[in-house]
C-alpha atoms as a PDB file:
ATOM      1  CA  MET A   1      25.451  -6.550  -5.511  1.00  0.00           C
ATOM      2  CA  ALA A   2      25.101  -3.361  -7.554  1.00  0.00           C
ATOM      3  CA  ARG A   3      21.712  -1.629  -7.525  1.00  0.00           C
ATOM      4  CA  SER A   4      21.421  -1.892 -11.316  1.00  0.00           C
ATOM      5  CA  THR A   5      22.088  -5.638 -11.104  1.00  0.00           C
ATOM      6  CA  LYS A   6      19.346  -6.104  -8.509  1.00  0.00           C
ATOM      7  CA  PHE A   7      16.984  -4.061 -10.677  1.00  0.00           C
ATOM      8  CA  ALA A   8      17.777  -6.221 -13.717  1.00  0.00           C
ATOM      9  CA  LEU A   9      17.299  -9.414 -11.702  1.00  0.00           C
ATOM     10  CA  ARG A  10      13.879  -8.317 -10.493  1.00  0.00           C
ATOM     11  CA  ILE A  11      12.807  -7.457 -14.038  1.00  0.00           C
ATOM     12  CA  ALA A  12      14.075 -10.850 -15.184  1.00  0.00           C
ATOM     13  CA  PHE A  13      12.214 -12.544 -12.310  1.00  0.00           C
ATOM     14  CA  SER A  14       9.004 -10.701 -13.228  1.00  0.00           C
ATOM     15  CA  LEU A  15       9.328 -11.705 -16.878  1.00  0.00           C
ATOM     16  CA  ALA A  16      10.112 -15.300 -15.923  1.00  0.00           C
ATOM     17  CA  LEU A  17       6.985 -15.513 -13.762  1.00  0.00           C
ATOM     18  CA  ILE A  18       4.893 -14.009 -16.546  1.00  0.00           C
ATOM     19  CA  GLY A  19       6.377 -16.546 -18.940  1.00  0.00           C
ATOM     20  CA  VAL A  20       5.427 -19.416 -16.625  1.00  0.00           C
ATOM     21  CA  VAL A  21       1.900 -18.047 -16.197  1.00  0.00           C
ATOM     22  CA  LEU A  22       1.379 -17.610 -19.957  1.00  0.00           C
ATOM     23  CA  TRP A  23       2.815 -21.079 -20.557  1.00  0.00           C
ATOM     24  CA  LYS A  24       0.296 -22.575 -18.127  1.00  0.00           C
ATOM     25  CA  ILE A  25      -2.835 -20.813 -19.410  1.00  0.00           C
ATOM     26  CA  PRO A  26      -4.533 -20.831 -22.827  1.00  0.00           C
ATOM     27  CA  VAL A  27      -3.566 -17.458 -24.310  1.00  0.00           C
ATOM     28  CA  GLY A  28      -6.612 -17.439 -26.582  1.00  0.00           C
ATOM     29  CA  GLU A  29      -8.930 -17.876 -23.597  1.00  0.00           C
ATOM     30  CA  PHE A  30      -7.079 -15.115 -21.736  1.00  0.00           C
ATOM     31  CA  LEU A  31      -7.494 -12.690 -24.646  1.00  0.00           C
ATOM     32  CA  SER A  32     -11.138 -13.694 -25.016  1.00  0.00           C
ATOM     33  CA  HIS A  33     -11.840 -12.731 -21.393  1.00  0.00           C
ATOM     34  CA  LEU A  34     -10.152  -9.352 -21.857  1.00  0.00           C
ATOM     35  CA  SER A  35     -12.060  -8.643 -25.079  1.00  0.00           C
ATOM     36  CA  GLY A  36     -15.333  -9.324 -23.270  1.00  0.00           C
ATOM     37  CA  VAL A  37     -14.713  -6.849 -20.445  1.00  0.00           C
ATOM     38  CA  ASP A  38     -17.695  -4.683 -19.507  1.00  0.00           C
ATOM     39  CA  LEU A  39     -16.220  -1.186 -19.717  1.00  0.00           C
ATOM     40  CA  VAL A  40     -18.741   0.565 -17.447  1.00  0.00           C
ATOM     41  CA  PRO A  41     -17.810  -1.218 -14.174  1.00  0.00           C
ATOM     42  CA  MET A  42     -14.141  -1.177 -15.196  1.00  0.00           C
ATOM     43  CA  PHE A  43     -14.053   2.613 -15.561  1.00  0.00           C
ATOM     44  CA  ALA A  44     -16.197   2.989 -12.429  1.00  0.00           C
ATOM     45  CA  SER A  45     -13.537   1.016 -10.568  1.00  0.00           C
ATOM     46  CA  TYR A  46     -10.751   3.245 -11.863  1.00  0.00           C
ATOM     47  CA  LEU A  47     -12.698   6.416 -11.015  1.00  0.00           C
ATOM     48  CA  LEU A  48     -12.690   5.385  -7.347  1.00  0.00           C
ATOM     49  CA  ILE A  49      -8.877   5.673  -7.227  1.00  0.00           C
ATOM     50  CA  PRO A  50      -8.639   9.490  -6.747  1.00  0.00           C
ATOM     51  CA  ILE A  51     -11.416   9.318  -4.144  1.00  0.00           C
ATOM     52  CA  MET A  52      -9.334   6.817  -2.182  1.00  0.00           C
ATOM     53  CA  GLY A  53      -6.328   9.116  -2.504  1.00  0.00           C
ATOM     54  CA  TYR A  54      -8.282  12.046  -1.073  1.00  0.00           C
ATOM     55  CA  ILE A  55      -9.552  10.002   1.881  1.00  0.00           C
ATOM     56  CA  ASP A  56      -6.044   8.732   2.630  1.00  0.00           C
ATOM     57  CA  ALA A  57      -4.662  12.288   2.461  1.00  0.00           C
ATOM     58  CA  ASN A  58      -7.164  13.489   5.072  1.00  0.00           C
ATOM     59  CA  ARG A  59      -6.041  10.676   7.363  1.00  0.00           C
ATOM     60  CA  THR A  60      -2.378  11.512   6.821  1.00  0.00           C
ATOM     61  CA  LYS A  61      -3.085  15.195   7.474  1.00  0.00           C
ATOM     62  CA  MET A  62      -3.965  14.358  11.070  1.00  0.00           C
ATOM     63  CA  MET A  63      -0.602  12.628  11.427  1.00  0.00           C
ATOM     64  CA  THR A  64       1.402  15.501   9.957  1.00  0.00           C
ATOM     65  CA  ASP A  65      -0.418  18.036  12.155  1.00  0.00           C
ATOM     66  CA  LEU A  66       0.532  16.022  15.234  1.00  0.00           C
ATOM     67  CA  GLN A  67       4.187  16.163  14.135  1.00  0.00           C
ATOM     68  CA  ASP A  68       3.956  19.964  13.637  1.00  0.00           C
ATOM     69  CA  MET A  69       4.312  19.696   9.868  1.00  0.00           C
ATOM     70  CA  THR A  70       2.625  22.109   7.472  1.00  0.00           C
ATOM     71  CA  LEU A  71       1.573  19.876   4.591  1.00  0.00           C
ATOM     72  CA  SER A  72      -1.878  20.573   3.134  1.00  0.00           C
ATOM     73  CA  VAL A  73      -4.322  17.866   2.085  1.00  0.00           C
ATOM     74  CA  SER A  74      -3.751  18.701  -1.598  1.00  0.00           C
ATOM     75  CA  ALA A  75       0.018  18.409  -1.145  1.00  0.00           C
ATOM     76  CA  ILE A  76      -0.399  14.998   0.512  1.00  0.00           C
ATOM     77  CA  VAL A  77      -2.635  13.836  -2.351  1.00  0.00           C
ATOM     78  CA  ARG A  78       0.076  14.845  -4.834  1.00  0.00           C
ATOM     79  CA  ILE A  79       2.750  13.066  -2.792  1.00  0.00           C
ATOM     80  CA  SER A  80       0.688   9.869  -2.748  1.00  0.00           C
ATOM     81  CA  PHE A  81       0.162   9.959  -6.513  1.00  0.00           C
ATOM     82  CA  ILE A  82       3.812  10.825  -7.191  1.00  0.00           C
ATOM     83  CA  THR A  83       4.844   7.908  -4.993  1.00  0.00           C
ATOM     84  CA  SER A  84       2.641   5.644  -7.123  1.00  0.00           C
ATOM     85  CA  PHE A  85       4.307   6.986 -10.268  1.00  0.00           C
ATOM     86  CA  TYR A  86       7.826   6.167  -9.092  1.00  0.00           C
ATOM     87  CA  SER A  87       6.617   2.832  -7.687  1.00  0.00           C
ATOM     88  CA  LEU A  88       6.063   1.739 -11.293  1.00  0.00           C
ATOM     89  CA  PHE A  89       9.836   1.455 -11.524  1.00  0.00           C
ATOM     90  CA  LEU A  90      10.474   0.006  -8.057  1.00  0.00           C
ATOM     91  CA  PRO A  91      10.091  -3.568  -6.747  1.00  0.00           C
ATOM     92  CA  GLY A  92       7.185  -3.859  -4.329  1.00  0.00           C
ATOM     93  CA  TYR A  93       5.086  -1.175  -2.704  1.00  0.00           C
ATOM     94  CA  LEU A  94       7.365  -1.072   0.347  1.00  0.00           C
ATOM     95  CA  ALA A  95      10.055   0.474  -1.861  1.00  0.00           C
ATOM     96  CA  GLY A  96       7.620   3.248  -2.729  1.00  0.00           C
ATOM     97  CA  GLY A  97       7.545   4.124   0.957  1.00  0.00           C
ATOM     98  CA  VAL A  98      11.050   5.554   0.575  1.00  0.00           C
ATOM     99  CA  ILE A  99       9.773   7.995  -2.044  1.00  0.00           C
ATOM    100  CA  ARG A 100       6.832   8.913   0.159  1.00  0.00           C
ATOM    101  CA  TRP A 101       9.155   9.505   3.129  1.00  0.00           C
ATOM    102  CA  HIS A 102      11.483  11.728   1.068  1.00  0.00           C
ATOM    103  CA  ARG A 103       8.624  13.852  -0.275  1.00  0.00           C
ATOM    104  CA  ILE A 104       7.060  14.350   3.142  1.00  0.00           C
ATOM    105  CA  ALA A 105      10.405  15.029   4.837  1.00  0.00           C
ATOM    106  CA  ARG A 106      11.624  17.664   2.403  1.00  0.00           C
ATOM    107  CA  HIS A 107       8.567  19.865   2.877  1.00  0.00           C
ATOM    108  CA  ASP A 108       9.427  20.835   6.457  1.00  0.00           C
ATOM    109  CA  GLY A 109      12.923  19.407   6.754  1.00  0.00           C
ATOM    110  CA  LYS A 110      11.831  16.826   9.347  1.00  0.00           C
ATOM    111  CA  PRO A 111      13.089  13.388   8.222  1.00  0.00           C
ATOM    112  CA  ALA A 112      12.558  11.636  11.582  1.00  0.00           C
ATOM    113  CA  GLN A 113       8.976  12.836  11.862  1.00  0.00           C
ATOM    114  CA  ALA A 114       8.299  11.933   8.228  1.00  0.00           C
ATOM    115  CA  LEU A 115       9.612   8.403   8.750  1.00  0.00           C
ATOM    116  CA  ALA A 116       7.453   8.022  11.848  1.00  0.00           C
ATOM    117  CA  ILE A 117       4.415   9.136   9.819  1.00  0.00           C
ATOM    118  CA  VAL A 118       5.159   6.645   7.036  1.00  0.00           C
ATOM    119  CA  LEU A 119       5.733   3.782   9.494  1.00  0.00           C
ATOM    120  CA  PHE A 120       2.648   4.635  11.564  1.00  0.00           C
ATOM    121  CA  GLY A 121       0.526   4.900   8.434  1.00  0.00           C
ATOM    122  CA  ARG A 122       1.769   1.581   7.082  1.00  0.00           C
ATOM    123  CA  VAL A 123       1.251  -0.297  10.362  1.00  0.00           C
ATOM    124  CA  ILE A 124      -2.215   1.035  11.154  1.00  0.00           C
ATOM    125  CA  SER A 125      -3.481   0.811   7.552  1.00  0.00           C
ATOM    126  CA  THR A 126      -2.283  -2.795   7.296  1.00  0.00           C
ATOM    127  CA  LEU A 127      -3.892  -3.548  10.664  1.00  0.00           C
ATOM    128  CA  VAL A 128      -7.256  -2.300   9.405  1.00  0.00           C
ATOM    129  CA  SER A 129      -6.836  -4.046   6.052  1.00  0.00           C
ATOM    130  CA  VAL A 130      -6.043  -7.373   7.731  1.00  0.00           C
ATOM    131  CA  ALA A 131      -8.945  -6.974  10.194  1.00  0.00           C
ATOM    132  CA  ILE A 132     -11.400  -6.366   7.344  1.00  0.00           C
ATOM    133  CA  GLY A 133      -9.833  -9.182   5.333  1.00  0.00           C
ATOM    134  CA  PHE A 134     -10.282 -11.561   8.271  1.00  0.00           C
ATOM    135  CA  ALA A 135     -13.902 -10.445   8.707  1.00  0.00           C
ATOM    136  CA  CYS A 136     -14.585 -11.095   5.015  1.00  0.00           C
ATOM    137  CA  TRP A 137     -12.878 -14.496   5.235  1.00  0.00           C
ATOM    138  CA  SER A 138     -15.021 -15.454   8.244  1.00  0.00           C
ATOM    139  CA  LEU A 139     -18.207 -14.487   6.346  1.00  0.00           C
ATOM    140  CA  ASP A 140     -17.261 -16.576   3.313  1.00  0.00           C
ATOM    141  CA  ALA A 141     -18.309 -20.204   3.803  1.00  0.00           C
ATOM    142  CA  ARG A 142     -16.056 -21.518   1.048  1.00  0.00           C
ATOM    143  CA  ALA A 143     -13.055 -19.570   2.354  1.00  0.00           C
ATOM    144  CA  ARG A 144     -13.626 -20.969   5.872  1.00  0.00           C
ATOM    145  CA  SER A 145     -13.113 -24.452   4.424  1.00  0.00           C
ATOM    146  CA  VAL A 146      -9.435 -23.477   4.088  1.00  0.00           C
ATOM    147  CA  PRO A 147      -8.659 -22.371   7.684  1.00  0.00           C
ATOM    148  CA  VAL A 148      -4.997 -21.665   6.996  1.00  0.00           C
ATOM    149  CA  TYR A 149      -5.960 -18.393   5.300  1.00  0.00           C
ATOM    150  CA  GLY A 150      -7.806 -17.165   8.373  1.00  0.00           C
ATOM    151  CA  LEU A 151      -5.076 -18.342  10.754  1.00  0.00           C
ATOM    152  CA  ALA A 152      -2.420 -16.512   8.718  1.00  0.00           C
ATOM    153  CA  LEU A 153      -4.419 -13.276   8.798  1.00  0.00           C
ATOM    154  CA  ALA A 154      -4.955 -13.629  12.549  1.00  0.00           C
ATOM    155  CA  ALA A 155      -1.215 -14.153  13.092  1.00  0.00           C
ATOM    156  CA  ILE A 156      -0.359 -11.095  10.974  1.00  0.00           C
ATOM    157  CA  PHE A 157      -2.900  -9.001  12.881  1.00  0.00           C
ATOM    158  CA  VAL A 158      -1.475  -9.978  16.283  1.00  0.00           C
ATOM    159  CA  THR A 159       2.074  -9.265  15.080  1.00  0.00           C
ATOM    160  CA  LEU A 160       1.116  -5.824  13.772  1.00  0.00           C
ATOM    161  CA  LEU A 161      -0.834  -5.049  16.936  1.00  0.00           C
ATOM    162  CA  PHE A 162       2.266  -5.831  19.001  1.00  0.00           C
ATOM    163  CA  ALA A 163       4.366  -3.602  16.720  1.00  0.00           C
ATOM    164  CA  TYR A 164       1.848  -0.790  17.191  1.00  0.00           C
ATOM    165  CA  TRP A 165       1.943  -1.224  20.963  1.00  0.00           C
ATOM    166  CA  VAL A 166       5.743  -1.119  21.035  1.00  0.00           C
ATOM    167  CA  LEU A 167       6.307   1.761  18.625  1.00  0.00           C
ATOM    168  CA  PHE A 168       3.329   4.098  18.865  1.00  0.00           C
ATOM    169  CA  SER A 169       1.236   3.588  21.985  1.00  0.00           C
ATOM    170  CA  SER A 170       3.505   5.247  24.565  1.00  0.00           C
ATOM    171  CA  SER A 171       6.038   8.075  24.428  1.00  0.00           C
ATOM    172  CA  GLY A 172       7.636   6.655  27.579  1.00  0.00           C
ATOM    173  CA  ARG A 173       8.154   3.279  25.909  1.00  0.00           C
ATOM    174  CA  ALA A 174       9.652   5.015  22.878  1.00  0.00           C
ATOM    175  CA  LYS A 175      12.111   6.862  25.141  1.00  0.00           C
ATOM    176  CA  SER A 176      13.062   3.606  26.863  1.00  0.00           C
ATOM    177  CA  LEU A 177      13.759   1.975  23.496  1.00  0.00           C
ATOM    178  CA  SER A 178      15.822   4.975  22.442  1.00  0.00           C
ATOM    179  CA  ASP A 179      17.876   4.867  25.652  1.00  0.00           C
ATOM    180  CA  PHE A 180      18.350   1.119  25.210  1.00  0.00           C
ATOM    181  CA  LEU A 181      19.783   1.609  21.715  1.00  0.00           C
ATOM    182  CA  LEU A 182      22.156   4.325  22.923  1.00  0.00           C
ATOM    183  CA  ARG A 183      23.564   1.946  25.540  1.00  0.00           C
ATOM    184  CA  GLN A 184      24.334  -0.784  22.999  1.00  0.00           C
ATOM    185  CA  ARG A 185      27.959  -0.744  21.876  1.00  0.00           C
ATOM    186  CA  TRP A 186      27.169  -2.719  18.719  1.00  0.00           C
ATOM    187  CA  VAL A 187      24.852   0.056  17.492  1.00  0.00           C
ATOM    188  CA  PRO A 188      26.789   3.013  16.004  1.00  0.00           C
ATOM    189  CA  GLY A 189      26.116   6.238  17.896  1.00  0.00           C
ATOM    190  CA  VAL A 190      24.862   8.069  14.809  1.00  0.00           C
ATOM    191  CA  VAL A 191      22.417   5.262  13.992  1.00  0.00           C
ATOM    192  CA  ALA A 192      21.170   5.060  17.592  1.00  0.00           C
ATOM    193  CA  SER A 193      20.668   8.827  17.669  1.00  0.00           C
ATOM    194  CA  LYS A 194      18.672   8.899  14.436  1.00  0.00           C
ATOM    195  CA  LEU A 195      16.580   5.886  15.437  1.00  0.00           C
ATOM    196  CA  GLY A 196      15.959   7.574  18.762  1.00  0.00           C
ATOM    197  CA  LYS A 197      14.524  10.613  16.985  1.00  0.00           C
ATOM    198  CA  VAL A 198      12.232   8.369  14.930  1.00  0.00           C
ATOM    199  CA  LEU A 199      11.105   6.494  18.053  1.00  0.00           C
ATOM    200  CA  HIS A 200      10.465   9.779  19.846  1.00  0.00           C
ATOM    201  CA  SER A 201       8.377  11.008  16.899  1.00  0.00           C
ATOM    202  CA  GLY A 202       6.523   7.694  16.796  1.00  0.00           C
ATOM    203  CA  GLY A 203       5.806   7.916  20.500  1.00  0.00           C
ATOM    204  CA  ARG A 204       3.996  11.202  19.907  1.00  0.00           C
ATOM    205  CA  PHE A 205       1.162   9.299  18.255  1.00  0.00           C
ATOM    206  CA  ASP A 206      -0.071   8.362  21.720  1.00  0.00           C
ATOM    207  CA  GLU A 207      -1.178  12.018  21.859  1.00  0.00           C
ATOM    208  CA  LEU A 208      -3.772  11.361  19.173  1.00  0.00           C
ATOM    209  CA  GLY A 209      -6.448  10.729  21.745  1.00  0.00           C
ATOM    210  CA  PHE A 210      -9.473   8.514  21.292  1.00  0.00           C
ATOM    211  CA  ARG A 211     -11.384  10.884  18.998  1.00  0.00           C
ATOM    212  CA  ARG A 212      -8.598  11.422  16.454  1.00  0.00           C
ATOM    213  CA  LEU A 213      -7.561   7.767  16.570  1.00  0.00           C
ATOM    214  CA  ALA A 214     -11.185   6.748  15.974  1.00  0.00           C
ATOM    215  CA  SER A 215     -11.362   9.227  13.074  1.00  0.00           C
ATOM    216  CA  THR A 216      -8.160   7.755  11.631  1.00  0.00           C
ATOM    217  CA  VAL A 217      -9.479   4.197  11.861  1.00  0.00           C
ATOM    218  CA  GLY A 218     -12.843   5.309  10.481  1.00  0.00           C
ATOM    219  CA  LEU A 219     -11.224   6.878   7.430  1.00  0.00           C
ATOM    220  CA  LEU A 220      -9.140   3.734   6.929  1.00  0.00           C
ATOM    221  CA  ILE A 221     -12.264   1.563   7.054  1.00  0.00           C
ATOM    222  CA  VAL A 222     -13.973   3.756   4.452  1.00  0.00           C
ATOM    223  CA  HIS A 223     -10.794   3.664   2.343  1.00  0.00           C
ATOM    224  CA  GLU A 224     -10.671  -0.147   2.543  1.00  0.00           C
ATOM    225  CA  LEU A 225     -14.359  -0.590   1.699  1.00  0.00           C
ATOM    226  CA  ILE A 226     -13.983   1.651  -1.355  1.00  0.00           C
ATOM    227  CA  GLY A 227     -10.883  -0.351  -2.312  1.00  0.00           C
ATOM    228  CA  ILE A 228     -12.833  -3.609  -2.065  1.00  0.00           C
ATOM    229  CA  THR A 229     -15.607  -2.044  -4.145  1.00  0.00           C
ATOM    230  CA  SER A 230     -13.046  -1.078  -6.785  1.00  0.00           C
ATOM    231  CA  PHE A 231     -11.734  -4.658  -6.914  1.00  0.00           C
ATOM    232  CA  TYR A 232     -15.290  -6.021  -6.939  1.00  0.00           C
ATOM    233  CA  LEU A 233     -16.282  -3.828  -9.901  1.00  0.00           C
ATOM    234  CA  LEU A 234     -13.387  -5.272 -11.897  1.00  0.00           C
ATOM    235  CA  ALA A 235     -14.640  -8.769 -11.083  1.00  0.00           C
ATOM    236  CA  VAL A 236     -18.094  -7.698 -12.285  1.00  0.00           C
ATOM    237  CA  ALA A 237     -16.508  -6.316 -15.454  1.00  0.00           C
ATOM    238  CA  LEU A 238     -15.121  -9.796 -16.166  1.00  0.00           C
ATOM    239  CA  HIS A 239     -18.428 -11.500 -15.210  1.00  0.00           C
ATOM    240  CA  MET A 240     -16.716 -13.401 -12.385  1.00  0.00           C
ATOM    241  CA  PRO A 241     -19.122 -15.173  -9.960  1.00  0.00           C
ATOM    242  CA  LEU A 242     -17.487 -13.794  -6.813  1.00  0.00           C
ATOM    243  CA  SER A 243     -19.161 -12.107  -3.845  1.00  0.00           C
ATOM    244  CA  PHE A 244     -18.119  -8.844  -2.184  1.00  0.00           C
ATOM    245  CA  VAL A 245     -16.779 -10.677   0.885  1.00  0.00           C
ATOM    246  CA  THR A 246     -14.758 -13.047  -1.299  1.00  0.00           C
ATOM    247  CA  ILE A 247     -13.138 -10.094  -3.019  1.00  0.00           C
ATOM    248  CA  GLY A 248     -12.564  -8.562   0.432  1.00  0.00           C
ATOM    249  CA  TRP A 249     -10.317 -11.312   1.782  1.00  0.00           C
ATOM    250  CA  VAL A 250      -8.641 -12.040  -1.567  1.00  0.00           C
ATOM    251  CA  ARG A 251      -7.787  -8.331  -1.950  1.00  0.00           C
ATOM    252  CA  CYS A 252      -6.248  -8.343   1.507  1.00  0.00           C
ATOM    253  CA  TYR A 253      -3.881 -11.153   0.527  1.00  0.00           C
ATOM    254  CA  ILE A 254      -2.988  -9.519  -2.777  1.00  0.00           C
ATOM    255  CA  MET A 255      -2.179  -6.247  -1.016  1.00  0.00           C
ATOM    256  CA  LEU A 256       0.030  -8.081   1.510  1.00  0.00           C
ATOM    257  CA  ILE A 257       1.856 -10.088  -1.146  1.00  0.00           C
ATOM    258  CA  THR A 258       2.547  -7.106  -3.392  1.00  0.00           C
ATOM    259  CA  LEU A 259       4.033  -5.194  -0.455  1.00  0.00           C
ATOM    260  CA  LEU A 260       7.059  -7.453  -0.731  1.00  0.00           C
ATOM    261  CA  PRO A 261       9.915  -6.274  -3.001  1.00  0.00           C
ATOM    262  CA  LEU A 262       9.837  -9.341  -5.234  1.00  0.00           C
ATOM    263  CA  THR A 263       8.893  -8.121  -8.709  1.00  0.00           C
ATOM    264  CA  MET A 264       8.103  -4.910 -10.564  1.00  0.00           C
ATOM    265  CA  MET A 265       4.528  -3.762  -9.857  1.00  0.00           C
ATOM    266  CA  GLY A 266       3.753  -7.208  -8.451  1.00  0.00           C
ATOM    267  CA  ILE A 267       3.826  -8.630 -11.982  1.00  0.00           C
ATOM    268  CA  GLY A 268       3.854 -12.409 -11.937  1.00  0.00           C
ATOM    269  CA  VAL A 269       3.466 -12.681  -8.169  1.00  0.00           C
ATOM    270  CA  ARG A 270      -0.034 -11.180  -8.266  1.00  0.00           C
ATOM    271  CA  ASP A 271      -1.008 -13.398 -11.217  1.00  0.00           C
ATOM    272  CA  GLY A 272       0.185 -16.591  -9.545  1.00  0.00           C
ATOM    273  CA  SER A 273      -1.401 -15.656  -6.224  1.00  0.00           C
ATOM    274  CA  LEU A 274      -4.777 -15.013  -7.850  1.00  0.00           C
ATOM    275  CA  ILE A 275      -4.629 -18.331  -9.698  1.00  0.00           C
ATOM    276  CA  VAL A 276      -4.148 -20.109  -6.353  1.00  0.00           C
ATOM    277  CA  LEU A 277      -6.620 -18.057  -4.299  1.00  0.00           C
ATOM    278  CA  LEU A 278      -9.413 -18.078  -6.888  1.00  0.00           C
ATOM    279  CA  SER A 279      -9.013 -21.782  -7.662  1.00  0.00           C
ATOM    280  CA  HIS A 280     -11.126 -22.422  -4.539  1.00  0.00           C
ATOM    281  CA  TYR A 281     -14.033 -20.788  -6.425  1.00  0.00           C
ATOM    282  CA  ALA A 282     -13.519 -22.797  -9.636  1.00  0.00           C
ATOM    283  CA  ILE A 283     -12.122 -19.727 -11.428  1.00  0.00           C
ATOM    284  CA  ALA A 284     -10.054 -20.833 -14.419  1.00  0.00           C
ATOM    285  CA  PRO A 285      -6.402 -19.676 -14.473  1.00  0.00           C
ATOM    286  CA  ALA A 286      -6.966 -17.679 -17.677  1.00  0.00           C
ATOM    287  CA  LEU A 287      -9.806 -15.735 -16.027  1.00  0.00           C
ATOM    288  CA  ALA A 288      -7.721 -15.185 -12.876  1.00  0.00           C
ATOM    289  CA  VAL A 289      -4.876 -13.747 -14.956  1.00  0.00           C
ATOM    290  CA  SER A 290      -7.346 -11.544 -16.858  1.00  0.00           C
ATOM    291  CA  TYR A 291      -8.498 -10.195 -13.500  1.00  0.00           C
ATOM    292  CA  SER A 292      -4.885  -9.600 -12.487  1.00  0.00           C
ATOM    293  CA  THR A 293      -4.391  -7.650 -15.704  1.00  0.00           C
ATOM    294  CA  LEU A 294      -7.271  -5.309 -14.867  1.00  0.00           C
ATOM    295  CA  LEU A 295      -5.789  -4.854 -11.378  1.00  0.00           C
ATOM    296  CA  LEU A 296      -2.518  -3.925 -13.033  1.00  0.00           C
ATOM    297  CA  GLY A 297      -4.525  -1.307 -14.902  1.00  0.00           C
ATOM    298  CA  ARG A 298      -5.321   0.300 -11.538  1.00  0.00           C
ATOM    299  CA  THR A 299      -1.593   0.573 -10.909  1.00  0.00           C
ATOM    300  CA  PHE A 300      -1.106   2.316 -14.255  1.00  0.00           C
ATOM    301  CA  VAL A 301      -3.977   4.729 -13.548  1.00  0.00           C
ATOM    302  CA  LEU A 302      -2.275   5.660 -10.274  1.00  0.00           C
ATOM    303  CA  GLY A 303       1.003   6.028 -12.161  1.00  0.00           C
ATOM    304  CA  VAL A 304      -0.564   8.385 -14.706  1.00  0.00           C
ATOM    305  CA  LEU A 305      -2.059  10.517 -11.934  1.00  0.00           C
ATOM    306  CA  GLY A 306       1.345  10.556 -10.256  1.00  0.00           C
ATOM    307  CA  GLY A 307       3.147  11.500 -13.449  1.00  0.00           C
ATOM    308  CA  LEU A 308       0.767  14.401 -14.021  1.00  0.00           C
ATOM    309  CA  SER A 309       1.211  15.490 -10.392  1.00  0.00           C
ATOM    310  CA  GLU A 310       4.990  15.408 -10.771  1.00  0.00           C
ATOM    311  CA  LEU A 311       4.850  17.450 -13.976  1.00  0.00           C
ATOM    312  CA  TRP A 312       2.640  20.012 -12.251  1.00  0.00           C
ATOM    313  CA  THR A 313       5.036  20.166  -9.281  1.00  0.00           C
ATOM    314  CA  VAL A 314       8.069  20.667 -11.521  1.00  0.00           C
ATOM    315  CA  TRP A 315       6.270  23.373 -13.530  1.00  0.00           C
ATOM    316  CA  ARG A 316       5.247  25.155 -10.332  1.00  0.00           C
ATOM    317  CA  GLU A 317       8.790  25.054  -8.939  1.00  0.00           C
ATOM    318  CA  ARG A 318      10.231  26.522 -12.137  1.00  0.00           C
ATOM    319  CA  SER A 319       7.590  29.211 -12.578  1.00  0.00           C
ATOM    320  CA  ARG A 320       7.668  30.674  -9.067  1.00  0.00           C
ATOM    321  CA  PRO A 321      10.490  32.903  -7.786  1.00  0.00           C
ATOM    322  CA  THR A 322      12.877  31.359  -5.287  1.00  0.00           C
ATOM    323  CA  THR A 323      11.667  32.082  -1.730  1.00  0.00           C
ATOM    324  CA  GLY A 324      13.515  29.488   0.267  1.00  0.00           C
ATOM    325  CA  ASP A 325      10.411  27.338   0.759  1.00  0.00           C
ATOM    326  CA  THR A 326      10.434  23.749  -0.430  1.00  0.00           C
ATOM    327  CA  PRO A 327       7.238  22.776  -2.207  1.00  0.00           C
ATOM    328  CA  ALA A 328       5.664  19.386  -1.928  1.00  0.00           C
END
């Protein structure tokens, strides 16, 4: 199937889901909730977005240093925002990872190392997000009445922990996997060689040591708590009777669901998911969709920051003389 056809189908799927959601909820009630938004907590929520980007860039900087890459923290911040800008036009946040990989790789010409950084970052950040989500679920009495949510998070955590152990915890294990792929006749030699380079780069993360790994996890925990606060402030802006821990586990599920390349910007999928998840707290569908709309606003704020970062990068590339270096 042609790429343009897939793109059109995902847009159509997004619009169809939105149509179903709007058909199921009273539009007047939905608009009434949006018109009654408290702007102070809403803008406070959006102002936390660049802070989260800076924290994430400092974490990524430790990864790039380990791979002998020369990216600065400011360059990583720009890459993250630019990735968010292009993700506006891509299905699911996983697709944005390709943009992030390309931007990191072109700086030092190290595609294998860049892919290892993106994969390591995704696995460990999702691990921390799921762990915090599970903790919030366990602290929420009403959420515990639906054990399937906690069991699903526990299963995801164990799966990701196994993936981390296989891919990143031992350079020797990475070499063994690489040698195994090279011996398989069904794997093309070029593919096995490139995957071997990625595995070798991933295996280098066992050199992080306890202190840097603890710093990485610590930054991720701070990043997640600020993210939950941002989501919570939007709930406050809509006068929703939800606690911080409730927002914590619900946010975890929304982040996991919108990773999947189903619709553009998670439109429709996020709305439907929130209707289901928040129904356990007697939140009306119209209010849940209003909340989803404010969350979509966060995506647009990130996109604007990314668009400005991309414009600045293009201007800088055109205004400086050619030196052979590739800017971020």
